[in-house]
Every structure is written in C-alpha cells, then in structure tokens.
Amino acid sequence: MEYFKCHAGELAYVFGDVSSELEERDGLDVPFSQLVIDYWTAFVRTGNPNPDLAFLKARGYTNTVAQVLGKGLWAPVDPASPRLSLLQWGARESMEAFQDLQQCEVLGFPLDYFEA
C-alpha cells in the first residue's frame, strides 16, 4: 500500500542504508534505493539524472534498467509547462505536473524565485 513520504525520509535510500536502519516493508526497499542511487550518481557524473542504459547493463543493474525503460526519461523543467519526476517504484509515467504551484504562489515563491 502507499505510504506517507516525509521530508528527509529519502536519506536512507539516497545513501544506500535501507537494510541496516529500517525494517523491510515490501521487498522493494533495496531495489528502490539502488534506483535512487543510480539516478543520483548519473547526475553527479554527467549533470543529467538519466542513467546511461549501456552503463547499467554492463554492470548488471537489471532492476534499474527495467525501471528506467518502464518509466521513461527524466526531462528538464520547462517553466512554461512545469513537470517533475516522482521517484516511485513501478512508475509508468516519466513526468507529472507540478503539484504545489498554487501553494508556492500564495507563499510568494514563484518558479523563478531562486534564479540569479
């Protein structure tokens, strides 16, 4: 079942520490952590969060390959039509509409707030 995702709840997944700190929920915590790490390290290596499929296949990272092929590419944000990629195991949609635009506008944080 779906579960509540809270701020900083991703840290164990990002740092690959799910097996030592958390009780296994559904058998997908470790593969999901692998997926998150593969996105993060692709971004660190190349500036693009989409991992190279040849790189993944050469290393036998079949879990991530299957997820990336099923989900599609993580696209850059287009301010005219902002979309984001949700990190969700088994997702079949690569990008979804921003969910909190009205809240951000009310708080005075438009999409270009942090532009230099």
C-alpha atoms as a PDB file:
ATOM      1  CA  MET A   1       0.000   0.000   0.000  1.00  0.00           C
ATOM      2  CA  GLU A   2       1.003   3.594  -0.477  1.00  0.00           C
ATOM      3  CA  TYR A   3       2.708   5.198   2.483  1.00  0.00           C
ATOM      4  CA  PHE A   4       3.353   8.746   3.681  1.00  0.00           C
ATOM      5  CA  LYS A   5       6.602  10.200   2.381  1.00  0.00           C
ATOM      6  CA  CYS A   6       8.111  12.833   4.633  1.00  0.00           C
ATOM      7  CA  HIS A   7      10.982  15.297   4.294  1.00  0.00           C
ATOM      8  CA  ALA A   8      14.340  13.587   4.957  1.00  0.00           C
ATOM      9  CA  GLY A   9      12.670  10.188   4.630  1.00  0.00           C
ATOM     10  CA  GLU A  10      14.714   9.713   1.465  1.00  0.00           C
ATOM     11  CA  LEU A  11      18.115   9.853   3.159  1.00  0.00           C
ATOM     12  CA  ALA A  12      18.426   6.131   3.847  1.00  0.00           C
ATOM     13  CA  TYR A  13      17.534   5.442   0.199  1.00  0.00           C
ATOM     14  CA  VAL A  14      19.922   8.033  -1.234  1.00  0.00           C
ATOM     15  CA  PHE A  15      22.832   6.734   0.835  1.00  0.00           C
ATOM     16  CA  GLY A  16      22.003   3.041   0.340  1.00  0.00           C
ATOM     17  CA  ASP A  17      21.416   2.402   4.030  1.00  0.00           C
ATOM     18  CA  VAL A  18      17.905   0.931   3.979  1.00  0.00           C
ATOM     19  CA  SER A  19      18.883  -2.573   5.016  1.00  0.00           C
ATOM     20  CA  SER A  20      20.624  -1.536   8.228  1.00  0.00           C
ATOM     21  CA  GLU A  21      18.240   1.101   9.628  1.00  0.00           C
ATOM     22  CA  LEU A  22      14.736   0.246   8.511  1.00  0.00           C
ATOM     23  CA  GLU A  23      12.583  -2.834   8.733  1.00  0.00           C
ATOM     24  CA  GLU A  24      11.890  -4.227   5.257  1.00  0.00           C
ATOM     25  CA  ARG A  25       8.384  -3.188   4.199  1.00  0.00           C
ATOM     26  CA  ASP A  26       7.636  -4.920   0.933  1.00  0.00           C
ATOM     27  CA  GLY A  27      10.807  -6.404  -0.559  1.00  0.00           C
ATOM     28  CA  LEU A  28      11.366  -3.314  -2.722  1.00  0.00           C
ATOM     29  CA  ASP A  29      13.315  -1.055  -0.353  1.00  0.00           C
ATOM     30  CA  VAL A  30      16.757  -2.226  -1.544  1.00  0.00           C
ATOM     31  CA  PRO A  31      15.926  -2.190  -5.298  1.00  0.00           C
ATOM     32  CA  PHE A  32      14.315   1.256  -4.888  1.00  0.00           C
ATOM     33  CA  SER A  33      17.428   2.507  -3.110  1.00  0.00           C
ATOM     34  CA  GLN A  34      19.526   1.155  -5.991  1.00  0.00           C
ATOM     35  CA  LEU A  35      17.339   3.083  -8.452  1.00  0.00           C
ATOM     36  CA  VAL A  36      17.659   6.329  -6.481  1.00  0.00           C
ATOM     37  CA  ILE A  37      21.431   5.901  -6.189  1.00  0.00           C
ATOM     38  CA  ASP A  38      21.710   5.210  -9.931  1.00  0.00           C
ATOM     39  CA  TYR A  39      19.788   8.416 -10.716  1.00  0.00           C
ATOM     40  CA  TRP A  40      21.890  10.424  -8.260  1.00  0.00           C
ATOM     41  CA  THR A  41      25.261   9.082  -9.427  1.00  0.00           C
ATOM     42  CA  ALA A  42      24.299   9.605 -13.088  1.00  0.00           C
ATOM     43  CA  PHE A  43      23.571  13.233 -12.219  1.00  0.00           C
ATOM     44  CA  VAL A  44      26.886  13.595 -10.376  1.00  0.00           C
ATOM     45  CA  ARG A  45      28.835  12.019 -13.261  1.00  0.00           C
ATOM     46  CA  THR A  46      27.134  13.805 -16.159  1.00  0.00           C
ATOM     47  CA  GLY A  47      24.833  16.576 -14.916  1.00  0.00           C
ATOM     48  CA  ASN A  48      21.896  14.500 -16.209  1.00  0.00           C
ATOM     49  CA  PRO A  49      19.919  12.258 -13.823  1.00  0.00           C
ATOM     50  CA  ASN A  50      19.084   9.761 -16.585  1.00  0.00           C
ATOM     51  CA  PRO A  51      21.498   6.862 -16.225  1.00  0.00           C
ATOM     52  CA  ASP A  52      23.144   5.515 -19.371  1.00  0.00           C
ATOM     53  CA  LEU A  53      21.484   2.168 -20.106  1.00  0.00           C
ATOM     54  CA  ALA A  54      24.704   0.710 -21.528  1.00  0.00           C
ATOM     55  CA  PHE A  55      26.499   1.676 -18.292  1.00  0.00           C
ATOM     56  CA  LEU A  56      23.779  -0.022 -16.221  1.00  0.00           C
ATOM     57  CA  LYS A  57      23.623  -3.141 -18.396  1.00  0.00           C
ATOM     58  CA  ALA A  58      27.418  -3.574 -18.351  1.00  0.00           C
ATOM     59  CA  ARG A  59      27.289  -3.676 -14.557  1.00  0.00           C
ATOM     60  CA  GLY A  60      24.289  -5.991 -14.346  1.00  0.00           C
ATOM     61  CA  TYR A  61      21.980  -3.377 -12.777  1.00  0.00           C
ATOM     62  CA  THR A  62      18.869  -5.078 -14.140  1.00  0.00           C
ATOM     63  CA  ASN A  63      16.481  -3.612 -11.540  1.00  0.00           C
ATOM     64  CA  THR A  64      17.312  -0.054 -12.562  1.00  0.00           C
ATOM     65  CA  VAL A  65      17.302  -0.885 -16.282  1.00  0.00           C
ATOM     66  CA  ALA A  66      13.761  -2.267 -16.018  1.00  0.00           C
ATOM     67  CA  GLN A  67      12.533   0.776 -14.068  1.00  0.00           C
ATOM     68  CA  VAL A  68      14.123   3.314 -16.419  1.00  0.00           C
ATOM     69  CA  LEU A  69      12.760   1.541 -19.501  1.00  0.00           C
ATOM     70  CA  GLY A  70       9.277   1.400 -17.963  1.00  0.00           C
ATOM     71  CA  LYS A  71       9.254   4.961 -16.680  1.00  0.00           C
ATOM     72  CA  GLY A  72      10.989   6.863 -19.458  1.00  0.00           C
ATOM     73  CA  LEU A  73      13.399   9.763 -19.218  1.00  0.00           C
ATOM     74  CA  TRP A  74      13.616  12.428 -16.557  1.00  0.00           C
ATOM     75  CA  ALA A  75      13.117  15.652 -18.538  1.00  0.00           C
ATOM     76  CA  PRO A  76      14.381  19.137 -17.632  1.00  0.00           C
ATOM     77  CA  VAL A  77      11.829  21.517 -16.107  1.00  0.00           C
ATOM     78  CA  ASP A  78      10.070  23.735 -18.636  1.00  0.00           C
ATOM     79  CA  PRO A  79       8.826  26.876 -16.817  1.00  0.00           C
ATOM     80  CA  ALA A  80       6.026  27.268 -19.372  1.00  0.00           C
ATOM     81  CA  SER A  81       4.674  23.810 -18.530  1.00  0.00           C
ATOM     82  CA  PRO A  82       6.403  22.639 -15.352  1.00  0.00           C
ATOM     83  CA  ARG A  83       6.548  18.899 -14.746  1.00  0.00           C
ATOM     84  CA  LEU A  84       8.520  16.787 -12.297  1.00  0.00           C
ATOM     85  CA  SER A  85       9.647  13.213 -11.958  1.00  0.00           C
ATOM     86  CA  LEU A  86       8.348  11.353  -8.931  1.00  0.00           C
ATOM     87  CA  LEU A  87      10.707   8.745  -7.555  1.00  0.00           C
ATOM     88  CA  GLN A  88       8.295   5.858  -7.229  1.00  0.00           C
ATOM     89  CA  TRP A  89       8.980   2.155  -7.766  1.00  0.00           C
ATOM     90  CA  GLY A  90       6.966   0.780 -10.667  1.00  0.00           C
ATOM     91  CA  ALA A  91       6.014   4.212 -12.026  1.00  0.00           C
ATOM     92  CA  ARG A  92       4.835   4.064 -15.617  1.00  0.00           C
ATOM     93  CA  GLU A  93       4.773   7.808 -16.227  1.00  0.00           C
ATOM     94  CA  SER A  94       8.041   9.677 -16.603  1.00  0.00           C
ATOM     95  CA  MET A  95       6.832  13.157 -15.711  1.00  0.00           C
ATOM     96  CA  GLU A  96       3.843  14.625 -13.834  1.00  0.00           C
ATOM     97  CA  ALA A  97       2.556  18.171 -13.443  1.00  0.00           C
ATOM     98  CA  PHE A  98       3.884  20.194 -10.515  1.00  0.00           C
ATOM     99  CA  GLN A  99       1.506  19.648  -7.621  1.00  0.00           C
ATOM    100  CA  ASP A 100       2.037  22.709  -5.434  1.00  0.00           C
ATOM    101  CA  LEU A 101       2.144  25.677  -7.807  1.00  0.00           C
ATOM    102  CA  GLN A 102      -0.802  27.484  -6.165  1.00  0.00           C
ATOM    103  CA  GLN A 103       0.684  26.990  -2.712  1.00  0.00           C
ATOM    104  CA  CYS A 104       4.045  28.322  -3.908  1.00  0.00           C
ATOM    105  CA  GLU A 105       2.387  31.363  -5.468  1.00  0.00           C
ATOM    106  CA  VAL A 106       0.433  32.136  -2.272  1.00  0.00           C
ATOM    107  CA  LEU A 107       3.669  31.934  -0.289  1.00  0.00           C
ATOM    108  CA  GLY A 108       5.399  34.236  -2.770  1.00  0.00           C
ATOM    109  CA  PHE A 109       7.760  31.614  -4.214  1.00  0.00           C
ATOM    110  CA  PRO A 110       7.170  31.541  -7.989  1.00  0.00           C
ATOM    111  CA  LEU A 111       9.191  29.114 -10.130  1.00  0.00           C
ATOM    112  CA  ASP A 112      11.772  31.782 -10.928  1.00  0.00           C
ATOM    113  CA  TYR A 113      12.251  32.804  -7.244  1.00  0.00           C
ATOM    114  CA  PHE A 114      15.748  31.354  -6.976  1.00  0.00           C
ATOM    115  CA  GLU A 115      17.071  32.459 -10.371  1.00  0.00           C
ATOM    116  CA  ALA A 116      20.174  34.562 -10.180  1.00  0.00           C
END
